[in-house]
Structures are given as structure tokens and as C-alpha cells.
Protein backbone atom coordinates (compact mmCIF):
# COMPACT_ATOMS: atom_id res chain seq x y z
CA MET A 1 108.22 85.74 125.65
CA LEU A 2 105.72 88.24 127.03
CA LYS A 3 102.00 87.71 126.51
CA ILE A 4 99.92 90.88 126.41
CA GLY A 5 96.13 90.75 126.50
CA VAL A 6 94.32 93.53 124.66
CA VAL A 7 91.07 93.62 126.62
CA LEU A 8 88.04 95.22 124.97
CA GLY A 9 85.89 96.49 127.84
CA SER A 10 82.70 97.45 125.99
CA VAL A 11 79.94 94.96 125.25
CA ARG A 12 77.59 97.51 123.70
CA GLU A 13 75.94 96.48 120.45
CA GLY A 14 77.36 98.51 117.55
CA ARG A 15 80.35 99.59 119.68
CA ASN A 16 83.26 101.52 118.22
CA GLY A 17 85.64 99.66 120.50
CA LEU A 18 86.07 96.62 118.29
CA ALA A 19 87.67 98.73 115.54
CA VAL A 20 89.92 100.43 118.11
CA ALA A 21 90.90 97.05 119.61
CA ASN A 22 91.66 95.53 116.20
CA TRP A 23 93.77 98.58 115.26
CA THR A 24 95.65 98.31 118.56
CA VAL A 25 96.43 94.61 118.08
CA THR A 26 97.45 95.07 114.43
CA LYS A 27 99.70 98.06 115.14
CA ALA A 28 101.18 96.45 118.26
CA LYS A 29 102.19 93.41 116.22
CA GLU A 30 103.71 95.65 113.53
CA LEU A 31 105.67 97.68 116.10
CA SER A 32 106.93 94.76 118.21
CA ASP A 33 109.35 91.89 117.82
CA PRO A 34 107.21 88.71 117.58
CA LYS A 35 110.04 86.75 119.21
CA LEU A 36 109.74 88.91 122.35
CA VAL A 37 106.05 89.71 122.74
CA GLU A 38 102.71 88.44 121.50
CA TYR A 39 99.35 90.21 121.61
CA GLU A 40 95.92 88.64 121.90
CA LEU A 41 92.53 90.31 121.70
CA VAL A 42 90.21 89.44 124.60
CA ASP A 43 86.64 90.58 123.96
CA LEU A 44 84.57 90.95 127.11
CA ALA A 45 81.46 90.27 125.01
CA ASP A 46 82.64 86.64 124.71
CA TYR A 47 82.09 86.09 128.44
CA ASP A 48 78.59 85.80 129.94
CA LEU A 49 79.38 87.20 133.36
CA PRO A 50 76.60 87.74 135.91
CA PHE A 51 76.42 90.83 138.07
CA LEU A 52 78.88 90.29 140.90
CA GLY A 53 77.01 89.04 143.94
CA THR A 54 74.02 87.59 142.12
CA LYS A 55 73.32 83.91 141.69
CA ALA A 56 75.20 82.62 138.66
CA SER A 57 73.89 79.95 136.33
CA GLU A 58 76.12 76.94 135.64
CA GLU A 59 77.07 78.49 132.29
CA GLN A 60 77.97 81.76 134.00
CA VAL A 61 80.08 79.93 136.58
CA ASN A 62 81.98 78.43 133.64
CA SER A 63 82.31 81.90 132.08
CA ILE A 64 83.71 83.31 135.32
CA GLN A 65 86.29 80.51 135.38
CA SER A 66 87.18 81.02 131.70
CA TRP A 67 87.48 84.79 132.22
CA SER A 68 89.75 84.27 135.23
CA GLU A 69 91.97 81.75 133.44
CA LYS A 70 92.25 83.88 130.30
CA ILE A 71 93.21 87.01 132.23
CA ALA A 72 95.66 85.09 134.44
CA SER A 73 97.48 83.81 131.33
CA PHE A 74 98.91 87.25 130.44
CA ASP A 75 101.97 89.15 131.62
CA GLY A 76 100.44 92.55 130.87
CA TYR A 77 97.38 94.22 129.42
CA ILE A 78 96.12 96.99 127.21
CA PHE A 79 92.62 97.98 128.26
CA ILE A 80 90.50 99.36 125.44
CA THR A 81 88.00 101.59 127.19
CA ALA A 82 85.08 103.71 126.21
CA GLU A 83 83.76 106.51 128.35
CA TYR A 84 80.18 106.38 129.57
CA ASN A 85 78.95 109.20 131.81
CA HIS A 86 82.52 110.22 132.72
CA GLY A 87 83.53 106.68 133.72
CA ILE A 88 84.17 103.16 132.50
CA ALA A 89 81.47 100.91 131.11
CA GLY A 90 79.52 99.14 133.86
CA ALA A 91 80.06 95.73 132.27
CA PHE A 92 83.83 96.30 132.32
CA LYS A 93 83.87 97.35 135.98
CA ASN A 94 81.75 94.31 136.84
CA ALA A 95 84.16 92.02 134.95
CA LEU A 96 87.19 93.52 136.72
CA ASP A 97 85.50 92.95 140.09
CA PHE A 98 85.67 89.18 139.52
CA LEU A 99 89.48 89.39 139.43
CA LYS A 100 92.31 90.36 141.71
CA PRO A 101 94.97 87.66 142.12
CA GLU A 102 95.05 87.29 138.32
CA PHE A 103 96.42 90.85 138.06
CA LYS A 104 98.93 90.93 140.92
CA ASP A 105 102.28 92.39 139.94
CA LYS A 106 101.45 92.92 136.28
CA ALA A 107 101.33 96.04 134.09
CA VAL A 108 98.51 97.72 132.20
CA ALA A 109 98.19 100.48 129.62
CA PHE A 110 95.11 102.21 128.25
CA VAL A 111 93.71 103.04 124.83
CA GLY A 112 90.55 105.08 125.20
CA TYR A 113 87.92 106.37 122.83
CA GLY A 114 85.16 108.88 123.41
CA GLY A 115 84.29 112.56 123.29
CA LEU A 116 87.54 113.49 125.04
CA GLY A 117 89.43 110.32 124.19
CA ALA A 118 88.06 108.59 127.31
CA ALA A 119 90.41 110.64 129.50
CA ARG A 120 88.05 110.49 132.48
CA SER A 121 87.45 106.77 132.00
CA ILE A 122 91.19 106.16 132.01
CA GLU A 123 91.60 108.22 135.18
CA ASN A 124 88.77 106.18 136.73
CA LEU A 125 90.54 102.97 135.69
CA ARG A 126 93.87 104.09 137.19
CA VAL A 127 92.28 104.09 140.66
CA ILE A 128 90.66 100.69 140.09
CA VAL A 129 93.77 98.98 138.68
CA ALA A 130 95.93 100.26 141.52
CA GLU A 131 93.67 98.40 143.96
CA LEU A 132 93.90 95.30 141.74
CA GLY A 133 97.71 95.30 142.02
CA LEU A 134 98.44 96.49 138.48
CA ALA A 135 101.11 99.04 137.59
CA SER A 136 99.84 101.45 134.94
CA THR A 137 101.97 103.11 132.30
CA GLN A 138 102.32 106.87 132.02
CA ARG A 139 101.47 106.94 128.30
CA ASN A 140 97.98 106.22 127.04
CA VAL A 141 96.35 106.70 123.64
CA ASN A 142 93.22 108.84 123.49
CA MET A 143 91.00 108.51 120.42
CA SER A 144 88.41 111.23 119.87
CA LEU A 145 84.99 110.48 118.44
CA MET A 146 85.16 113.88 116.70
CA THR A 147 88.53 113.55 114.99
CA ASP A 148 89.38 109.83 114.83
CA PHE A 149 85.99 108.62 113.62
CA GLU A 150 84.06 109.69 110.53
CA ASN A 151 80.49 110.54 111.58
CA MET A 152 81.51 109.26 115.04
CA THR A 153 81.20 105.65 113.79
CA VAL A 154 83.84 104.83 111.13
CA PHE A 155 87.28 104.50 112.72
CA ASN A 156 89.98 106.49 110.92
CA PRO A 157 92.69 107.29 113.48
CA ALA A 158 95.04 110.22 113.05
CA PRO A 159 98.55 109.06 112.07
CA PHE A 160 100.17 110.54 115.22
CA HIS A 161 98.43 107.90 117.35
CA GLU A 162 100.89 105.30 116.06
CA GLY A 163 103.76 107.15 117.75
CA GLU A 164 101.76 107.34 120.99
CA LEU A 165 101.06 103.62 120.77
CA GLN A 166 104.74 102.90 120.20
CA GLU A 167 105.64 104.82 123.37
CA LEU A 168 102.85 103.03 125.28
CA LEU A 169 104.12 99.64 124.09
CA SER A 170 107.69 100.47 125.11
CA GLN A 171 106.56 101.40 128.62
CA LEU A 172 104.20 98.42 128.89
CA THR A 173 106.71 95.82 127.76
CA SER A 174 109.43 97.24 130.04
CA TRP A 175 107.12 97.12 133.06
CA SER A 176 105.72 93.70 132.11
CA LYS A 177 109.20 92.24 131.77
CA ALA A 178 110.34 93.68 135.09
CA LEU A 179 107.22 92.54 136.93
CA LYS A 180 107.42 89.08 135.39
CA GLY A 181 110.81 88.77 137.09
CA ILE A 182 109.19 89.63 140.43
CA ARG A 183 106.45 87.02 139.94
CA GLU A 184 109.00 84.33 139.07
CA VAL A 185 111.02 84.81 142.29
């Protein structure tokens, strides 16, 4: 059984990402065989991570450990990413910087949302995840604030995104299965 973590990388109050993440998890479960793969939402907002390199409180040390253990428990990931100033959210980059061995020889895919479907954020993430040892899928899903959200706040994705997600899931599960075999050697 493959375990895929759907990681919501925005911690912004009133964020659109939670709706996108919930849609991704729901659709992924509908499109996948539950005997072969399971999906779990991981919300970065649930982890009180300090800025990397600053003194962490005891609670934050525990959060770092919990974050590391949670991420290490998966065979692959779907990163739900917003786009802020042509890049990923600072909190998400900070959270990724706490990890490296947890990601080695695993696969990742991207679902982005923003003015241009977070295309630049996803490109930014591809460079980062390569250094972390993750293999990224070719297919991503790009949600536009103009066309997939009513008034840029109420999530109402276009139906064609389901087909994109299905292709993304196929690539992600294939890579995750193959890389799991490498990790088990």
C-alpha cells in the first residue's frame, strides 16, 4: 500500500488552499483504488515551526520532530502550493528546509492555485525538491483564481481539472511505487 501525503503549504489566514487541498484529497480517493493507495491531508498550519536557524522553544522542537516524522511516513506527496510574489509561500519554504532525509528517493506532484495557477511557484518548487532528493511528476494541476474561484474566494474548479488530476495521480503512484522499491533494497 502506498501512502501519499497531500501537503498544504499555505498558513495564511483565510487561505484558498484548504478548499483546493480538500478537493484534491476527495478526488484522489475517488480516482484511486483504496487497496493500493491512501491519501492524507497534512496541513502546515498544524505545525508551529520556528524560522530555521533561530532558537526554538520546547514546543517548537516537538513540532519540528512531529513534522519530520509525519513527512517521513509517506511514500509520495502532492504539494498544494499558492503563489506569492512569483514564488512559494515563505512558511512552506521554511518548513521544507527542516527536511531532507525524509524525502530521499520519493516522488512529488504539484497542485497550484493563483493568478496563473501558481505556475511560477511550481517551477520554483521543482528546483527545491530536486535538491531534497524528490522526483517530480511531469503533470501538475494549475487552478486559476480568475476561473476556478468565484470572486477569487469560493472554490469552484473547472471539470477538466479532474482529468489532469487523474493523470497526475497515475504518474505519482507509478513513481512512488518504483522509488519505494529502491528504498526497500
